[in-house]
All heavy atoms as atom14 arrays in JSON, in Angstrom:
{
  "sequence": "PGDLQIVIEEQRHEHLIRDDQDLIYNLMIDFPTAALGGKVEIPTID",
  "atom14_mask": [
    [1, 1, 1, 1, 1, 1, 1, 0, 0, 0, 0, 0, 0, 0],
    [1, 1, 1, 1, 0, 0, 0, 0, 0, 0, 0, 0, 0, 0],
    [1, 1, 1, 1, 1, 1, 1, 1, 0, 0, 0, 0, 0, 0],
    [1, 1, 1, 1, 1, 1, 1, 1, 0, 0, 0, 0, 0, 0],
    [1, 1, 1, 1, 1, 1, 1, 1, 1, 0, 0, 0, 0, 0],
    [1, 1, 1, 1, 1, 1, 1, 1, 0, 0, 0, 0, 0, 0],
    [1, 1, 1, 1, 1, 1, 1, 0, 0, 0, 0, 0, 0, 0],
    [1, 1, 1, 1, 1, 1, 1, 1, 0, 0, 0, 0, 0, 0],
    [1, 1, 1, 1, 1, 1, 1, 1, 1, 0, 0, 0, 0, 0],
    [1, 1, 1, 1, 1, 1, 1, 1, 1, 0, 0, 0, 0, 0],
    [1, 1, 1, 1, 1, 1, 1, 1, 1, 0, 0, 0, 0, 0],
    [1, 1, 1, 1, 1, 1, 1, 1, 1, 1, 1, 0, 0, 0],
    [1, 1, 1, 1, 1, 1, 1, 1, 1, 1, 0, 0, 0, 0],
    [1, 1, 1, 1, 1, 1, 1, 1, 1, 0, 0, 0, 0, 0],
    [1, 1, 1, 1, 1, 1, 1, 1, 1, 1, 0, 0, 0, 0],
    [1, 1, 1, 1, 1, 1, 1, 1, 0, 0, 0, 0, 0, 0],
    [1, 1, 1, 1, 1, 1, 1, 1, 0, 0, 0, 0, 0, 0],
    [1, 1, 1, 1, 1, 1, 1, 1, 1, 1, 1, 0, 0, 0],
    [1, 1, 1, 1, 1, 1, 1, 1, 0, 0, 0, 0, 0, 0],
    [1, 1, 1, 1, 1, 1, 1, 1, 0, 0, 0, 0, 0, 0],
    [1, 1, 1, 1, 1, 1, 1, 1, 1, 0, 0, 0, 0, 0],
    [1, 1, 1, 1, 1, 1, 1, 1, 0, 0, 0, 0, 0, 0],
    [1, 1, 1, 1, 1, 1, 1, 1, 0, 0, 0, 0, 0, 0],
    [1, 1, 1, 1, 1, 1, 1, 1, 0, 0, 0, 0, 0, 0],
    [1, 1, 1, 1, 1, 1, 1, 1, 1, 1, 1, 1, 0, 0],
    [1, 1, 1, 1, 1, 1, 1, 1, 0, 0, 0, 0, 0, 0],
    [1, 1, 1, 1, 1, 1, 1, 1, 0, 0, 0, 0, 0, 0],
    [1, 1, 1, 1, 1, 1, 1, 1, 0, 0, 0, 0, 0, 0],
    [1, 1, 1, 1, 1, 1, 1, 1, 0, 0, 0, 0, 0, 0],
    [1, 1, 1, 1, 1, 1, 1, 1, 0, 0, 0, 0, 0, 0],
    [1, 1, 1, 1, 1, 1, 1, 1, 1, 1, 1, 0, 0, 0],
    [1, 1, 1, 1, 1, 1, 1, 0, 0, 0, 0, 0, 0, 0],
    [1, 1, 1, 1, 1, 1, 1, 0, 0, 0, 0, 0, 0, 0],
    [1, 1, 1, 1, 1, 0, 0, 0, 0, 0, 0, 0, 0, 0],
    [1, 1, 1, 1, 1, 0, 0, 0, 0, 0, 0, 0, 0, 0],
    [1, 1, 1, 1, 1, 1, 1, 1, 0, 0, 0, 0, 0, 0],
    [1, 1, 1, 1, 0, 0, 0, 0, 0, 0, 0, 0, 0, 0],
    [1, 1, 1, 1, 0, 0, 0, 0, 0, 0, 0, 0, 0, 0],
    [1, 1, 1, 1, 1, 1, 1, 1, 1, 0, 0, 0, 0, 0],
    [1, 1, 1, 1, 1, 1, 1, 0, 0, 0, 0, 0, 0, 0],
    [1, 1, 1, 1, 1, 1, 1, 1, 1, 0, 0, 0, 0, 0],
    [1, 1, 1, 1, 1, 1, 1, 1, 0, 0, 0, 0, 0, 0],
    [1, 1, 1, 1, 1, 1, 1, 0, 0, 0, 0, 0, 0, 0],
    [1, 1, 1, 1, 1, 1, 1, 0, 0, 0, 0, 0, 0, 0],
    [1, 1, 1, 1, 1, 1, 1, 1, 0, 0, 0, 0, 0, 0],
    [1, 1, 1, 1, 1, 1, 1, 1, 0, 0, 0, 0, 0, 0]
  ],
  "atom14_positions": [
    [[-4.25, 12.58, 1.0], [-4.79, 12.17, -0.31], [-6.31, 12.06, -0.28], [-6.91, 11.81, 0.78], [-4.15, 10.79, -0.55], [-3.0, 10.71, 0.4], [-3.38, 11.54, 1.59], [0.0, 0.0, 0.0], [0.0, 0.0, 0.0], [0.0, 0.0, 0.0], [0.0, 0.0, 0.0], [0.0, 0.0, 0.0], [0.0, 0.0, 0.0], [0.0, 0.0, 0.0]],
    [[-6.93, 12.25, -1.43], [-8.37, 12.06, -1.54], [-8.71, 10.58, -1.54], [-7.84, 9.71, -1.42], [0.0, 0.0, 0.0], [0.0, 0.0, 0.0], [0.0, 0.0, 0.0], [0.0, 0.0, 0.0], [0.0, 0.0, 0.0], [0.0, 0.0, 0.0], [0.0, 0.0, 0.0], [0.0, 0.0, 0.0], [0.0, 0.0, 0.0], [0.0, 0.0, 0.0]],
    [[-9.98, 10.28, -1.69], [-10.46, 8.91, -1.65], [-10.85, 8.43, -3.05], [-11.14, 9.24, -3.93], [-11.67, 8.77, -0.73], [-11.34, 9.13, 0.71], [-10.14, 9.12, 1.06], [-12.27, 9.43, 1.48], [0.0, 0.0, 0.0], [0.0, 0.0, 0.0], [0.0, 0.0, 0.0], [0.0, 0.0, 0.0], [0.0, 0.0, 0.0], [0.0, 0.0, 0.0]],
    [[-10.86, 7.13, -3.22], [-11.36, 6.51, -4.44], [-12.75, 5.98, -4.14], [-12.93, 5.12, -3.28], [-10.45, 5.38, -4.9], [-10.92, 4.57, -6.13], [-11.05, 5.48, -7.34], [-9.97, 3.41, -6.41], [0.0, 0.0, 0.0], [0.0, 0.0, 0.0], [0.0, 0.0, 0.0], [0.0, 0.0, 0.0], [0.0, 0.0, 0.0], [0.0, 0.0, 0.0]],
    [[-13.75, 6.5, -4.84], [-15.14, 6.09, -4.63], [-15.54, 5.14, -5.75], [-15.41, 5.48, -6.93], [-16.05, 7.33, -4.6], [-15.7, 8.29, -3.48], [-16.44, 9.6, -3.58], [-16.83, 10.03, -4.67], [-16.63, 10.27, -2.45], [0.0, 0.0, 0.0], [0.0, 0.0, 0.0], [0.0, 0.0, 0.0], [0.0, 0.0, 0.0], [0.0, 0.0, 0.0]],
    [[-15.99, 3.96, -5.36], [-16.35, 2.92, -6.34], [-17.86, 2.76, -6.36], [-18.46, 2.38, -5.35], [-15.68, 1.58, -5.98], [-14.16, 1.73, -5.93], [-16.07, 0.5, -6.96], [-13.6, 1.83, -4.54], [0.0, 0.0, 0.0], [0.0, 0.0, 0.0], [0.0, 0.0, 0.0], [0.0, 0.0, 0.0], [0.0, 0.0, 0.0], [0.0, 0.0, 0.0]],
    [[-18.48, 3.07, -7.49], [-19.92, 2.94, -7.65], [-20.22, 1.61, -8.31], [-19.68, 1.29, -9.37], [-20.5, 4.1, -8.49], [-22.01, 3.96, -8.64], [-20.15, 5.44, -7.86], [0.0, 0.0, 0.0], [0.0, 0.0, 0.0], [0.0, 0.0, 0.0], [0.0, 0.0, 0.0], [0.0, 0.0, 0.0], [0.0, 0.0, 0.0], [0.0, 0.0, 0.0]],
    [[-21.08, 0.82, -7.67], [-21.4, -0.53, -8.17], [-22.42, -0.46, -9.29], [-23.45, 0.22, -9.19], [-21.94, -1.42, -7.04], [-20.9, -1.58, -5.93], [-22.39, -2.77, -7.58], [-19.62, -2.24, -6.39], [0.0, 0.0, 0.0], [0.0, 0.0, 0.0], [0.0, 0.0, 0.0], [0.0, 0.0, 0.0], [0.0, 0.0, 0.0], [0.0, 0.0, 0.0]],
    [[-22.15, -1.17, -10.37], [-23.06, -1.27, -11.5], [-23.3, -2.75, -11.79], [-22.37, -3.47, -12.15], [-22.45, -0.57, -12.72], [-23.35, -0.52, -13.94], [-22.72, 0.27, -15.09], [-22.17, 1.35, -14.83], [-22.78, -0.22, -16.22], [0.0, 0.0, 0.0], [0.0, 0.0, 0.0], [0.0, 0.0, 0.0], [0.0, 0.0, 0.0], [0.0, 0.0, 0.0]],
    [[-24.53, -3.2, -11.61], [-24.86, -4.62, -11.82], [-25.11, -4.91, -13.29], [-25.82, -4.17, -13.97], [-26.11, -5.01, -11.02], [-25.88, -5.15, -9.53], [-27.13, -5.68, -8.84], [-27.89, -6.45, -9.46], [-27.34, -5.29, -7.68], [0.0, 0.0, 0.0], [0.0, 0.0, 0.0], [0.0, 0.0, 0.0], [0.0, 0.0, 0.0], [0.0, 0.0, 0.0]],
    [[-24.57, -6.03, -13.75], [-24.86, -6.5, -15.1], [-26.09, -7.41, -15.05], [-26.25, -8.21, -14.13], [-23.66, -7.25, -15.67], [-22.45, -6.36, -15.93], [-21.29, -7.16, -16.49], [-20.74, -8.03, -15.84], [-20.92, -6.86, -17.73], [0.0, 0.0, 0.0], [0.0, 0.0, 0.0], [0.0, 0.0, 0.0], [0.0, 0.0, 0.0], [0.0, 0.0, 0.0]],
    [[-26.95, -7.29, -16.05], [-28.15, -8.12, -16.1], [-27.78, -9.59, -16.29], [-26.89, -9.92, -17.07], [-29.06, -7.68, -17.25], [-29.8, -6.37, -16.97], [-30.73, -6.06, -18.14], [-31.51, -4.87, -17.88], [-32.66, -4.86, -17.21], [-33.15, -6.0, -16.76], [-33.32, -3.74, -17.02], [0.0, 0.0, 0.0], [0.0, 0.0, 0.0], [0.0, 0.0, 0.0]],
    [[-28.49, -10.44, -15.57], [-28.33, -11.88, -15.75], [-29.22, -12.33, -16.9], [-30.28, -11.75, -17.15], [-28.7, -12.61, -14.46], [-28.3, -14.05, -14.44], [-29.09, -15.05, -14.98], [-27.21, -14.67, -13.93], [-28.49, -16.21, -14.82], [-27.35, -16.03, -14.19], [0.0, 0.0, 0.0], [0.0, 0.0, 0.0], [0.0, 0.0, 0.0], [0.0, 0.0, 0.0]],
    [[-28.8, -13.37, -17.59], [-29.56, -13.84, -18.75], [-30.95, -14.34, -18.37], [-31.92, -14.16, -19.12], [-28.78, -14.96, -19.44], [-29.43, -15.46, -20.73], [-28.63, -16.56, -21.4], [-27.59, -16.98, -20.83], [-29.06, -17.01, -22.48], [0.0, 0.0, 0.0], [0.0, 0.0, 0.0], [0.0, 0.0, 0.0], [0.0, 0.0, 0.0], [0.0, 0.0, 0.0]],
    [[-31.09, -14.94, -17.18], [-32.36, -15.56, -16.81], [-32.94, -15.04, -15.5], [-34.16, -15.06, -15.33], [-32.2, -17.08, -16.68], [-31.68, -17.74, -17.91], [-32.38, -17.8, -19.1], [-30.48, -18.37, -18.15], [-31.68, -18.45, -20.01], [-30.52, -18.79, -19.47], [0.0, 0.0, 0.0], [0.0, 0.0, 0.0], [0.0, 0.0, 0.0], [0.0, 0.0, 0.0]],
    [[-32.11, -14.62, -14.58], [-32.55, -14.29, -13.23], [-32.73, -12.78, -13.05], [-31.95, -11.99, -13.58], [-31.56, -14.81, -12.19], [-31.29, -16.32, -12.24], [-30.19, -16.7, -11.26], [-32.57, -17.11, -11.96], [0.0, 0.0, 0.0], [0.0, 0.0, 0.0], [0.0, 0.0, 0.0], [0.0, 0.0, 0.0], [0.0, 0.0, 0.0], [0.0, 0.0, 0.0]],
    [[-33.76, -12.42, -12.3], [-34.05, -11.01, -12.01], [-33.84, -10.79, -10.51], [-34.31, -11.58, -9.69], [-35.5, -10.66, -12.38], [-35.74, -10.92, -13.87], [-35.82, -9.21, -12.04], [-37.21, -10.87, -14.27], [0.0, 0.0, 0.0], [0.0, 0.0, 0.0], [0.0, 0.0, 0.0], [0.0, 0.0, 0.0], [0.0, 0.0, 0.0], [0.0, 0.0, 0.0]],
    [[-33.13, -9.73, -10.16], [-32.87, -9.46, -8.74], [-33.98, -8.62, -8.12], [-34.42, -7.63, -8.7], [-31.53, -8.74, -8.58], [-31.21, -8.45, -7.11], [-29.84, -7.86, -6.92], [-29.53, -7.74, -5.49], [-28.36, -7.34, -5.01], [-27.38, -7.04, -5.85], [-28.16, -7.26, -3.71], [0.0, 0.0, 0.0], [0.0, 0.0, 0.0], [0.0, 0.0, 0.0]],
    [[-34.41, -9.02, -6.91], [-35.34, -8.24, -6.11], [-34.79, -8.19, -4.7], [-35.1, -9.04, -3.87], [-36.74, -8.87, -6.14], [-37.75, -8.07, -5.32], [-37.49, -6.89, -5.05], [-38.79, -8.64, -4.94], [0.0, 0.0, 0.0], [0.0, 0.0, 0.0], [0.0, 0.0, 0.0], [0.0, 0.0, 0.0], [0.0, 0.0, 0.0], [0.0, 0.0, 0.0]],
    [[-33.93, -7.19, -4.44], [-33.21, -7.08, -3.19], [-32.35, -8.34, -3.01], [-31.48, -8.59, -3.82], [-34.16, -6.86, -2.02], [-33.46, -6.31, -0.79], [-32.28, -5.91, -0.92], [-34.06, -6.27, 0.29], [0.0, 0.0, 0.0], [0.0, 0.0, 0.0], [0.0, 0.0, 0.0], [0.0, 0.0, 0.0], [0.0, 0.0, 0.0], [0.0, 0.0, 0.0]],
    [[-32.59, -9.14, -1.95], [-31.81, -10.35, -1.77], [-32.4, -11.55, -2.5], [-31.73, -12.58, -2.67], [-31.7, -10.7, -0.28], [-30.79, -9.78, 0.51], [-30.75, -10.18, 1.98], [-31.19, -9.44, 2.84], [-30.22, -11.36, 2.26], [0.0, 0.0, 0.0], [0.0, 0.0, 0.0], [0.0, 0.0, 0.0], [0.0, 0.0, 0.0], [0.0, 0.0, 0.0]],
    [[-33.65, -11.44, -2.94], [-34.3, -12.54, -3.65], [-33.97, -12.5, -5.14], [-33.68, -11.44, -5.69], [-35.82, -12.49, -3.46], [-36.24, -12.78, -2.03], [-35.49, -13.47, -1.32], [-37.33, -12.32, -1.63], [0.0, 0.0, 0.0], [0.0, 0.0, 0.0], [0.0, 0.0, 0.0], [0.0, 0.0, 0.0], [0.0, 0.0, 0.0], [0.0, 0.0, 0.0]],
    [[-34.06, -13.67, -5.75], [-33.94, -13.79, -7.2], [-35.25, -14.34, -7.74], [-35.91, -15.15, -7.1], [-32.79, -14.72, -7.58], [-31.38, -14.24, -7.2], [-30.36, -15.34, -7.49], [-31.01, -12.97, -7.95], [0.0, 0.0, 0.0], [0.0, 0.0, 0.0], [0.0, 0.0, 0.0], [0.0, 0.0, 0.0], [0.0, 0.0, 0.0], [0.0, 0.0, 0.0]],
    [[-35.63, -13.88, -8.93], [-36.88, -14.32, -9.55], [-36.58, -14.97, -10.89], [-35.79, -14.44, -11.68], [-37.84, -13.13, -9.76], [-38.19, -12.49, -8.41], [-39.1, -13.55, -10.48], [-38.95, -11.18, -8.53], [0.0, 0.0, 0.0], [0.0, 0.0, 0.0], [0.0, 0.0, 0.0], [0.0, 0.0, 0.0], [0.0, 0.0, 0.0], [0.0, 0.0, 0.0]],
    [[-37.19, -16.13, -11.11], [-37.07, -16.8, -12.41], [-38.47, -17.08, -12.94], [-39.3, -17.68, -12.24], [-36.3, -18.11, -12.29], [-36.22, -18.87, -13.59], [-35.52, -18.35, -14.68], [-36.87, -20.1, -13.75], [-35.47, -19.03, -15.88], [-36.81, -20.78, -14.95], [-36.11, -20.23, -16.02], [-36.06, -20.9, -17.22], [0.0, 0.0, 0.0], [0.0, 0.0, 0.0]],
    [[-38.75, -16.63, -14.14], [-40.05, -16.88, -14.79], [-39.97, -18.2, -15.57], [-39.26, -18.28, -16.58], [-40.4, -15.72, -15.71], [-40.72, -14.46, -14.95], [-41.41, -14.49, -13.93], [-40.21, -13.32, -15.43], [0.0, 0.0, 0.0], [0.0, 0.0, 0.0], [0.0, 0.0, 0.0], [0.0, 0.0, 0.0], [0.0, 0.0, 0.0], [0.0, 0.0, 0.0]],
    [[-40.69, -19.2, -15.06], [-40.66, -20.53, -15.66], [-41.9, -20.75, -16.51], [-43.02, -20.67, -16.03], [-40.6, -21.59, -14.55], [-40.76, -23.04, -14.99], [-39.58, -23.48, -15.86], [-40.9, -23.96, -13.77], [0.0, 0.0, 0.0], [0.0, 0.0, 0.0], [0.0, 0.0, 0.0], [0.0, 0.0, 0.0], [0.0, 0.0, 0.0], [0.0, 0.0, 0.0]],
    [[-41.7, -21.03, -17.79], [-42.8, -21.34, -18.7], [-42.88, -22.86, -18.87], [-41.9, -23.49, -19.29], [-42.57, -20.67, -20.06], [-43.65, -20.95, -21.07], [-45.17, -19.99, -20.76], [-44.65, -18.36, -21.35], [0.0, 0.0, 0.0], [0.0, 0.0, 0.0], [0.0, 0.0, 0.0], [0.0, 0.0, 0.0], [0.0, 0.0, 0.0], [0.0, 0.0, 0.0]],
    [[-44.05, -23.45, -18.52], [-44.23, -24.89, -18.71], [-45.4, -25.12, -19.67], [-46.25, -24.25, -19.87], [-44.5, -25.62, -17.37], [-45.77, -25.08, -16.71], [-43.29, -25.48, -16.44], [-46.15, -25.83, -15.44], [0.0, 0.0, 0.0], [0.0, 0.0, 0.0], [0.0, 0.0, 0.0], [0.0, 0.0, 0.0], [0.0, 0.0, 0.0], [0.0, 0.0, 0.0]],
    [[-45.43, -26.31, -20.26], [-46.53, -26.64, -21.18], [-47.74, -27.12, -20.38], [-47.66, -27.45, -19.19], [-46.09, -27.67, -22.21], [-45.53, -28.93, -21.58], [-46.13, -29.43, -20.6], [-44.47, -29.4, -22.03], [0.0, 0.0, 0.0], [0.0, 0.0, 0.0], [0.0, 0.0, 0.0], [0.0, 0.0, 0.0], [0.0, 0.0, 0.0], [0.0, 0.0, 0.0]],
    [[-48.9, -27.16, -21.05], [-50.14, -27.55, -20.37], [-50.1, -28.97, -19.82], [-50.52, -29.2, -18.68], [-51.33, -27.37, -21.32], [-52.62, -27.85, -20.73], [-53.27, -27.12, -19.76], [-53.16, -29.08, -21.14], [-54.45, -27.59, -19.21], [-54.33, -29.54, -20.59], [-54.98, -28.8, -19.62], [0.0, 0.0, 0.0], [0.0, 0.0, 0.0], [0.0, 0.0, 0.0]],
    [[-49.6, -29.95, -20.58], [-49.56, -31.3, -20.02], [-48.76, -31.39, -18.71], [-49.16, -32.09, -17.78], [-48.91, -32.13, -21.13], [-49.27, -31.39, -22.39], [-49.21, -29.94, -22.0], [0.0, 0.0, 0.0], [0.0, 0.0, 0.0], [0.0, 0.0, 0.0], [0.0, 0.0, 0.0], [0.0, 0.0, 0.0], [0.0, 0.0, 0.0], [0.0, 0.0, 0.0]],
    [[-47.61, -30.67, -18.64], [-46.81, -30.69, -17.41], [-47.57, -30.04, -16.26], [-47.53, -30.51, -15.12], [-45.46, -29.97, -17.63], [-44.75, -30.63, -18.68], [-44.61, -30.0, -16.37], [0.0, 0.0, 0.0], [0.0, 0.0, 0.0], [0.0, 0.0, 0.0], [0.0, 0.0, 0.0], [0.0, 0.0, 0.0], [0.0, 0.0, 0.0], [0.0, 0.0, 0.0]],
    [[-48.28, -28.92, -16.56], [-49.06, -28.25, -15.52], [-50.17, -29.17, -15.02], [-50.46, -29.21, -13.81], [-49.64, -26.95, -16.05], [0.0, 0.0, 0.0], [0.0, 0.0, 0.0], [0.0, 0.0, 0.0], [0.0, 0.0, 0.0], [0.0, 0.0, 0.0], [0.0, 0.0, 0.0], [0.0, 0.0, 0.0], [0.0, 0.0, 0.0], [0.0, 0.0, 0.0]],
    [[-50.8, -29.92, -15.91], [-51.92, -30.78, -15.54], [-51.47, -32.07, -14.87], [-52.07, -32.51, -13.89], [-52.76, -31.09, -16.77], [0.0, 0.0, 0.0], [0.0, 0.0, 0.0], [0.0, 0.0, 0.0], [0.0, 0.0, 0.0], [0.0, 0.0, 0.0], [0.0, 0.0, 0.0], [0.0, 0.0, 0.0], [0.0, 0.0, 0.0], [0.0, 0.0, 0.0]],
    [[-50.41, -32.68, -15.41], [-50.0, -34.0, -14.94], [-48.84, -33.96, -13.95], [-48.58, -34.95, -13.25], [-49.59, -34.87, -16.14], [-50.66, -35.04, -17.23], [-50.09, -35.82, -18.4], [-51.9, -35.72, -16.65], [0.0, 0.0, 0.0], [0.0, 0.0, 0.0], [0.0, 0.0, 0.0], [0.0, 0.0, 0.0], [0.0, 0.0, 0.0], [0.0, 0.0, 0.0]],
    [[-48.12, -32.83, -13.91], [-46.96, -32.73, -13.04], [-45.71, -33.24, -13.73], [-45.76, -33.82, -14.83], [0.0, 0.0, 0.0], [0.0, 0.0, 0.0], [0.0, 0.0, 0.0], [0.0, 0.0, 0.0], [0.0, 0.0, 0.0], [0.0, 0.0, 0.0], [0.0, 0.0, 0.0], [0.0, 0.0, 0.0], [0.0, 0.0, 0.0], [0.0, 0.0, 0.0]],
    [[-44.56, -33.03, -13.1], [-43.31, -33.5, -13.69], [-42.12, -32.81, -13.05], [-42.25, -32.04, -12.09], [0.0, 0.0, 0.0], [0.0, 0.0, 0.0], [0.0, 0.0, 0.0], [0.0, 0.0, 0.0], [0.0, 0.0, 0.0], [0.0, 0.0, 0.0], [0.0, 0.0, 0.0], [0.0, 0.0, 0.0], [0.0, 0.0, 0.0], [0.0, 0.0, 0.0]],
    [[-40.95, -33.08, -13.59], [-39.71, -32.48, -13.11], [-39.18, -31.53, -14.19], [-39.19, -31.87, -15.37], [-38.66, -33.55, -12.83], [-39.04, -34.57, -11.76], [-38.76, -34.02, -10.37], [-38.93, -35.12, -9.32], [-38.68, -34.62, -7.96], [0.0, 0.0, 0.0], [0.0, 0.0, 0.0], [0.0, 0.0, 0.0], [0.0, 0.0, 0.0], [0.0, 0.0, 0.0]],
    [[-38.71, -30.37, -13.76], [-38.1, -29.42, -14.71], [-36.81, -28.87, -14.1], [-36.63, -28.87, -12.88], [-39.06, -28.24, -15.04], [-40.31, -28.73, -15.74], [-39.41, -27.47, -13.78], [0.0, 0.0, 0.0], [0.0, 0.0, 0.0], [0.0, 0.0, 0.0], [0.0, 0.0, 0.0], [0.0, 0.0, 0.0], [0.0, 0.0, 0.0], [0.0, 0.0, 0.0]],
    [[-35.92, -28.43, -14.97], [-34.66, -27.82, -14.53], [-34.76, -26.3, -14.64], [-35.33, -25.78, -15.61], [-33.48, -28.32, -15.38], [-32.87, -29.6, -14.88], [-31.48, -29.83, -15.49], [-31.08, -29.04, -16.37], [-30.8, -30.78, -15.06], [0.0, 0.0, 0.0], [0.0, 0.0, 0.0], [0.0, 0.0, 0.0], [0.0, 0.0, 0.0], [0.0, 0.0, 0.0]],
    [[-34.19, -25.62, -13.66], [-34.16, -24.15, -13.7], [-32.74, -23.69, -13.4], [-31.98, -24.38, -12.71], [-35.14, -23.54, -12.69], [-34.75, -23.94, -11.26], [-36.57, -23.96, -12.99], [-35.45, -23.15, -10.2], [0.0, 0.0, 0.0], [0.0, 0.0, 0.0], [0.0, 0.0, 0.0], [0.0, 0.0, 0.0], [0.0, 0.0, 0.0], [0.0, 0.0, 0.0]],
    [[-32.37, -22.5, -13.91], [-31.04, -21.96, -13.6], [-31.02, -21.37, -12.19], [-32.02, -20.85, -11.7], [-30.85, -20.88, -14.66], [-32.23, -20.43, -14.99], [-33.11, -21.65, -14.87], [0.0, 0.0, 0.0], [0.0, 0.0, 0.0], [0.0, 0.0, 0.0], [0.0, 0.0, 0.0], [0.0, 0.0, 0.0], [0.0, 0.0, 0.0], [0.0, 0.0, 0.0]],
    [[-29.87, -21.48, -11.52], [-29.64, -20.83, -10.24], [-28.39, -19.97, -10.37], [-27.74, -19.95, -11.42], [-29.46, -21.85, -9.11], [-28.24, -22.58, -9.33], [-30.63, -22.82, -9.06], [0.0, 0.0, 0.0], [0.0, 0.0, 0.0], [0.0, 0.0, 0.0], [0.0, 0.0, 0.0], [0.0, 0.0, 0.0], [0.0, 0.0, 0.0], [0.0, 0.0, 0.0]],
    [[-28.04, -19.27, -9.3], [-26.9, -18.37, -9.36], [-25.58, -19.13, -9.54], [-24.62, -18.59, -10.07], [-26.84, -17.5, -8.08], [-25.96, -16.26, -8.31], [-26.34, -18.29, -6.89], [-26.53, -15.28, -9.27], [0.0, 0.0, 0.0], [0.0, 0.0, 0.0], [0.0, 0.0, 0.0], [0.0, 0.0, 0.0], [0.0, 0.0, 0.0], [0.0, 0.0, 0.0]],
    [[-25.57, -20.42, -9.12], [-24.31, -21.17, -9.22], [-24.46, -22.5, -9.97], [-23.71, -23.44, -9.75], [-23.74, -21.44, -7.82], [-24.76, -22.07, -6.89], [-25.87, -22.4, -7.36], [-24.46, -22.23, -5.69], [0.0, 0.0, 0.0], [0.0, 0.0, 0.0], [0.0, 0.0, 0.0], [0.0, 0.0, 0.0], [0.0, 0.0, 0.0], [0.0, 0.0, 0.0]]
  ]
}
């Protein structure tokens, strides 16, 4: 019998961008947070 060849097709994530094994998230913060600091939440893979 012949073989079944499966070609992988990745679906885009809503927030995360893949770069090989790394993931990239573009975080937009306001000026007061950048100047004064603070805590923010970001999405992860899980």
